[in-house]
């Protein structure tokens, strides 16, 4: 296994984002109807870590820098056959280290209430649930607004 630092223009990252969409659309069916997809603004994600098993891209994580105070985990995905091995935790550790080196001391994320396995995984990594009102950056895509009640917000001091 190897981890590679790249950006949102990576073809392998695009492919993993498409797999992430397929997985999320199973768990959050109204997401697809709202026009949400993981490729939205993907080219603007400057920091991406990809996890490879030999030459096969099997996992991804991105870091979105909102401003000088807030950064966010984005597009976290591990292929189904590789889940349950702690690999997402390795990617999260890489991105947290990068965020800290960029001067951030807190990192946030958004996930879905219909993916309790991801909430549990983030809690094991030290993330805590926060109220939506505390989360500074919410969906601004008009079609996403009806899905706001399905969002779960979390953060961690790094």
C-alpha atoms as a PDB file:
ATOM      1  CA  UNK A   1       0.000   0.000   0.000  1.00  0.00           C
ATOM      2  CA  UNK A   2       1.185   3.491  -0.759  1.00  0.00           C
ATOM      3  CA  UNK A   3      -0.269   6.967  -0.267  1.00  0.00           C
ATOM      4  CA  UNK A   4       0.260   9.646  -2.918  1.00  0.00           C
ATOM      5  CA  UNK A   5      -0.305  13.391  -2.483  1.00  0.00           C
ATOM      6  CA  UNK A   6      -1.925  14.991  -5.531  1.00  0.00           C
ATOM      7  CA  UNK A   7      -4.773  17.391  -6.331  1.00  0.00           C
ATOM      8  CA  UNK A   8      -8.356  17.318  -7.573  1.00  0.00           C
ATOM      9  CA  UNK A   9      -7.351  16.976 -11.217  1.00  0.00           C
ATOM     10  CA  UNK A  10      -6.149  13.388 -10.766  1.00  0.00           C
ATOM     11  CA  UNK A  11      -7.925  10.856 -12.996  1.00  0.00           C
ATOM     12  CA  UNK A  12      -7.735   8.297 -10.191  1.00  0.00           C
ATOM     13  CA  UNK A  13      -9.411  10.778  -7.848  1.00  0.00           C
ATOM     14  CA  UNK A  14     -12.204  11.303 -10.403  1.00  0.00           C
ATOM     15  CA  UNK A  15     -12.757   7.556 -10.592  1.00  0.00           C
ATOM     16  CA  UNK A  16     -12.943   7.208  -6.817  1.00  0.00           C
ATOM     17  CA  UNK A  17     -15.358  10.149  -6.614  1.00  0.00           C
ATOM     18  CA  UNK A  18     -17.640   8.325  -9.050  1.00  0.00           C
ATOM     19  CA  UNK A  19     -17.516   5.230  -6.827  1.00  0.00           C
ATOM     20  CA  UNK A  20     -18.242   7.441  -3.812  1.00  0.00           C
ATOM     21  CA  UNK A  21     -21.306   8.794  -5.619  1.00  0.00           C
ATOM     22  CA  UNK A  22     -22.593   5.297  -6.356  1.00  0.00           C
ATOM     23  CA  UNK A  23     -22.192   4.351  -2.694  1.00  0.00           C
ATOM     24  CA  UNK A  24     -23.807   7.531  -1.383  1.00  0.00           C
ATOM     25  CA  UNK A  25     -26.691   7.309  -3.843  1.00  0.00           C
ATOM     26  CA  UNK A  26     -27.561   3.898  -2.386  1.00  0.00           C
ATOM     27  CA  UNK A  27     -27.617   5.302   1.149  1.00  0.00           C
ATOM     28  CA  UNK A  28     -29.061   8.744   0.388  1.00  0.00           C
ATOM     29  CA  UNK A  29     -31.377   8.209  -2.622  1.00  0.00           C
ATOM     30  CA  UNK A  30     -32.692  11.790  -2.581  1.00  0.00           C
ATOM     31  CA  UNK A  31     -29.117  13.016  -3.081  1.00  0.00           C
ATOM     32  CA  UNK A  32     -29.069  12.016  -6.747  1.00  0.00           C
ATOM     33  CA  UNK A  33     -32.489  13.563  -7.388  1.00  0.00           C
ATOM     34  CA  UNK A  34     -31.163  16.809  -5.891  1.00  0.00           C
ATOM     35  CA  UNK A  35     -28.330  16.802  -8.412  1.00  0.00           C
ATOM     36  CA  UNK A  36     -25.540  16.321  -5.875  1.00  0.00           C
ATOM     37  CA  UNK A  37     -22.372  14.613  -6.987  1.00  0.00           C
ATOM     38  CA  UNK A  38     -18.843  14.242  -5.718  1.00  0.00           C
ATOM     39  CA  UNK A  39     -17.323  15.668  -8.885  1.00  0.00           C
ATOM     40  CA  UNK A  40     -18.782  19.124  -8.147  1.00  0.00           C
ATOM     41  CA  UNK A  41     -15.816  21.519  -7.789  1.00  0.00           C
ATOM     42  CA  UNK A  42     -13.434  18.545  -7.540  1.00  0.00           C
ATOM     43  CA  UNK A  43     -10.815  20.375  -9.599  1.00  0.00           C
ATOM     44  CA  UNK A  44     -10.706  23.088  -6.896  1.00  0.00           C
ATOM     45  CA  UNK A  45      -9.560  20.654  -4.206  1.00  0.00           C
ATOM     46  CA  UNK A  46      -5.844  21.430  -4.040  1.00  0.00           C
ATOM     47  CA  UNK A  47      -4.819  18.684  -1.638  1.00  0.00           C
ATOM     48  CA  UNK A  48      -5.807  15.065  -2.199  1.00  0.00           C
ATOM     49  CA  UNK A  49      -4.288  11.878  -0.862  1.00  0.00           C
ATOM     50  CA  UNK A  50      -4.866   8.682  -2.806  1.00  0.00           C
ATOM     51  CA  UNK A  51      -4.308   5.212  -1.410  1.00  0.00           C
ATOM     52  CA  UNK A  52      -3.024   2.567  -3.798  1.00  0.00           C
ATOM     53  CA  UNK A  53      -2.823  -1.211  -3.618  1.00  0.00           C
ATOM     54  CA  UNK A  54      -0.056  -1.764  -6.169  1.00  0.00           C
ATOM     55  CA  UNK A  55      -1.281   0.368  -9.081  1.00  0.00           C
ATOM     56  CA  UNK A  56      -4.983   0.296  -8.171  1.00  0.00           C
ATOM     57  CA  UNK A  57      -6.430   3.429  -6.541  1.00  0.00           C
ATOM     58  CA  UNK A  58      -8.537   2.162  -3.637  1.00  0.00           C
ATOM     59  CA  UNK A  59      -9.062   5.205  -1.420  1.00  0.00           C
ATOM     60  CA  UNK A  60      -9.176   8.967  -1.384  1.00  0.00           C
ATOM     61  CA  UNK A  61      -9.433  11.988   0.864  1.00  0.00           C
ATOM     62  CA  UNK A  62      -9.357  15.680   0.083  1.00  0.00           C
ATOM     63  CA  UNK A  63      -8.786  18.836   2.087  1.00  0.00           C
ATOM     64  CA  UNK A  64     -10.890  21.893   1.340  1.00  0.00           C
ATOM     65  CA  UNK A  65      -9.547  25.159   2.743  1.00  0.00           C
ATOM     66  CA  UNK A  66     -12.536  27.403   3.372  1.00  0.00           C
ATOM     67  CA  UNK A  67     -10.656  30.320   4.915  1.00  0.00           C
ATOM     68  CA  UNK A  68      -7.804  30.983   7.347  1.00  0.00           C
ATOM     69  CA  UNK A  69      -9.676  29.258  10.170  1.00  0.00           C
ATOM     70  CA  UNK A  70     -11.657  26.387   8.724  1.00  0.00           C
ATOM     71  CA  UNK A  71     -10.653  23.370   6.687  1.00  0.00           C
ATOM     72  CA  UNK A  72     -12.806  20.385   5.832  1.00  0.00           C
ATOM     73  CA  UNK A  73     -12.345  16.723   4.984  1.00  0.00           C
ATOM     74  CA  UNK A  74     -13.787  16.005   1.554  1.00  0.00           C
ATOM     75  CA  UNK A  75     -14.447  12.985  -0.669  1.00  0.00           C
ATOM     76  CA  UNK A  76     -13.377  10.344   1.842  1.00  0.00           C
ATOM     77  CA  UNK A  77     -13.740   6.942   0.231  1.00  0.00           C
ATOM     78  CA  UNK A  78     -12.359   3.399   0.531  1.00  0.00           C
ATOM     79  CA  UNK A  79     -13.314   0.688  -1.988  1.00  0.00           C
ATOM     80  CA  UNK A  80     -15.758  -1.834  -0.502  1.00  0.00           C
ATOM     81  CA  UNK A  81     -13.350  -4.763  -0.591  1.00  0.00           C
ATOM     82  CA  UNK A  82     -10.781  -2.812   1.462  1.00  0.00           C
ATOM     83  CA  UNK A  83     -13.090  -1.472   4.175  1.00  0.00           C
ATOM     84  CA  UNK A  84     -12.706  -2.465   7.802  1.00  0.00           C
ATOM     85  CA  UNK A  85      -8.895  -2.487   7.696  1.00  0.00           C
ATOM     86  CA  UNK A  86      -8.255   0.968   9.188  1.00  0.00           C
ATOM     87  CA  UNK A  87      -7.235   2.419   5.829  1.00  0.00           C
ATOM     88  CA  UNK A  88      -9.524   5.446   6.062  1.00  0.00           C
ATOM     89  CA  UNK A  89      -7.840   6.260   9.372  1.00  0.00           C
ATOM     90  CA  UNK A  90      -4.456   6.312   7.629  1.00  0.00           C
ATOM     91  CA  UNK A  91      -5.766   8.767   5.038  1.00  0.00           C
ATOM     92  CA  UNK A  92      -7.363  10.922   7.732  1.00  0.00           C
ATOM     93  CA  UNK A  93      -4.042  11.004   9.635  1.00  0.00           C
ATOM     94  CA  UNK A  94      -2.243  12.163   6.477  1.00  0.00           C
ATOM     95  CA  UNK A  95      -4.724  14.949   5.799  1.00  0.00           C
ATOM     96  CA  UNK A  96      -4.774  16.056   9.446  1.00  0.00           C
ATOM     97  CA  UNK A  97      -0.968  16.310   9.406  1.00  0.00           C
ATOM     98  CA  UNK A  98      -1.132  18.395   6.234  1.00  0.00           C
ATOM     99  CA  UNK A  99      -3.837  20.650   7.691  1.00  0.00           C
ATOM    100  CA  UNK A 100      -1.765  21.191  10.819  1.00  0.00           C
ATOM    101  CA  UNK A 101       1.308  22.058   8.717  1.00  0.00           C
ATOM    102  CA  UNK A 102      -0.836  24.676   6.952  1.00  0.00           C
ATOM    103  CA  UNK A 103      -1.616  26.285  10.306  1.00  0.00           C
ATOM    104  CA  UNK A 104      -5.065  24.868  11.023  1.00  0.00           C
ATOM    105  CA  UNK A 105      -5.944  23.624  14.497  1.00  0.00           C
ATOM    106  CA  UNK A 106      -9.446  22.381  13.754  1.00  0.00           C
ATOM    107  CA  UNK A 107     -10.834  20.291  10.948  1.00  0.00           C
ATOM    108  CA  UNK A 108     -14.497  19.755  10.129  1.00  0.00           C
ATOM    109  CA  UNK A 109     -16.513  17.395   7.978  1.00  0.00           C
ATOM    110  CA  UNK A 110     -20.007  16.698   6.739  1.00  0.00           C
ATOM    111  CA  UNK A 111     -21.513  13.264   6.361  1.00  0.00           C
ATOM    112  CA  UNK A 112     -24.995  11.777   6.188  1.00  0.00           C
ATOM    113  CA  UNK A 113     -27.246  10.522   8.977  1.00  0.00           C
ATOM    114  CA  UNK A 114     -28.052   7.491   6.803  1.00  0.00           C
ATOM    115  CA  UNK A 115     -24.405   6.371   6.935  1.00  0.00           C
ATOM    116  CA  UNK A 116     -23.997   5.558  10.645  1.00  0.00           C
ATOM    117  CA  UNK A 117     -20.908   3.453   9.867  1.00  0.00           C
ATOM    118  CA  UNK A 118     -19.085   6.597   8.735  1.00  0.00           C
ATOM    119  CA  UNK A 119     -20.177   8.514  11.834  1.00  0.00           C
ATOM    120  CA  UNK A 120     -18.826   5.712  14.050  1.00  0.00           C
ATOM    121  CA  UNK A 121     -15.560   5.627  12.085  1.00  0.00           C
ATOM    122  CA  UNK A 122     -15.054   9.375  12.490  1.00  0.00           C
ATOM    123  CA  UNK A 123     -15.884   9.164  16.208  1.00  0.00           C
ATOM    124  CA  UNK A 124     -13.184   6.476  16.597  1.00  0.00           C
ATOM    125  CA  UNK A 125     -10.763   8.956  14.982  1.00  0.00           C
ATOM    126  CA  UNK A 126     -11.634  11.639  17.544  1.00  0.00           C
ATOM    127  CA  UNK A 127     -14.292  13.622  15.685  1.00  0.00           C
ATOM    128  CA  UNK A 128     -17.310  14.831  17.640  1.00  0.00           C
ATOM    129  CA  UNK A 129     -20.778  15.740  16.492  1.00  0.00           C
ATOM    130  CA  UNK A 130     -21.568  19.439  16.375  1.00  0.00           C
ATOM    131  CA  UNK A 131     -24.883  21.211  15.739  1.00  0.00           C
ATOM    132  CA  UNK A 132     -25.531  22.406  12.202  1.00  0.00           C
ATOM    133  CA  UNK A 133     -25.738  25.960  13.539  1.00  0.00           C
ATOM    134  CA  UNK A 134     -22.084  25.730  14.618  1.00  0.00           C
ATOM    135  CA  UNK A 135     -20.928  24.569  11.209  1.00  0.00           C
ATOM    136  CA  UNK A 136     -19.810  27.654   9.357  1.00  0.00           C
ATOM    137  CA  UNK A 137     -20.051  26.368   5.778  1.00  0.00           C
ATOM    138  CA  UNK A 138     -23.259  24.687   4.755  1.00  0.00           C
ATOM    139  CA  UNK A 139     -24.598  23.614   1.394  1.00  0.00           C
ATOM    140  CA  UNK A 140     -25.346  26.563  -0.822  1.00  0.00           C
ATOM    141  CA  UNK A 141     -26.447  24.526  -3.820  1.00  0.00           C
ATOM    142  CA  UNK A 142     -30.215  25.279  -3.945  1.00  0.00           C
ATOM    143  CA  UNK A 143     -31.232  21.714  -4.767  1.00  0.00           C
ATOM    144  CA  UNK A 144     -29.270  20.477  -1.731  1.00  0.00           C
ATOM    145  CA  UNK A 145     -31.159  22.593   0.781  1.00  0.00           C
ATOM    146  CA  UNK A 146     -34.056  20.093   1.200  1.00  0.00           C
ATOM    147  CA  UNK A 147     -31.442  17.495   2.226  1.00  0.00           C
ATOM    148  CA  UNK A 148     -30.012  19.662   5.018  1.00  0.00           C
ATOM    149  CA  UNK A 149     -31.841  17.662   7.694  1.00  0.00           C
ATOM    150  CA  UNK A 150     -29.943  14.540   6.536  1.00  0.00           C
ATOM    151  CA  UNK A 151     -26.532  16.142   7.114  1.00  0.00           C
ATOM    152  CA  UNK A 152     -24.362  15.380  10.118  1.00  0.00           C
ATOM    153  CA  UNK A 153     -21.591  17.785  11.078  1.00  0.00           C
ATOM    154  CA  UNK A 154     -18.452  16.846  12.969  1.00  0.00           C
ATOM    155  CA  UNK A 155     -15.138  18.417  13.942  1.00  0.00           C
ATOM    156  CA  UNK A 156     -11.857  17.717  15.672  1.00  0.00           C
ATOM    157  CA  UNK A 157      -9.057  19.740  17.210  1.00  0.00           C
ATOM    158  CA  UNK A 158      -5.780  18.786  15.541  1.00  0.00           C
END
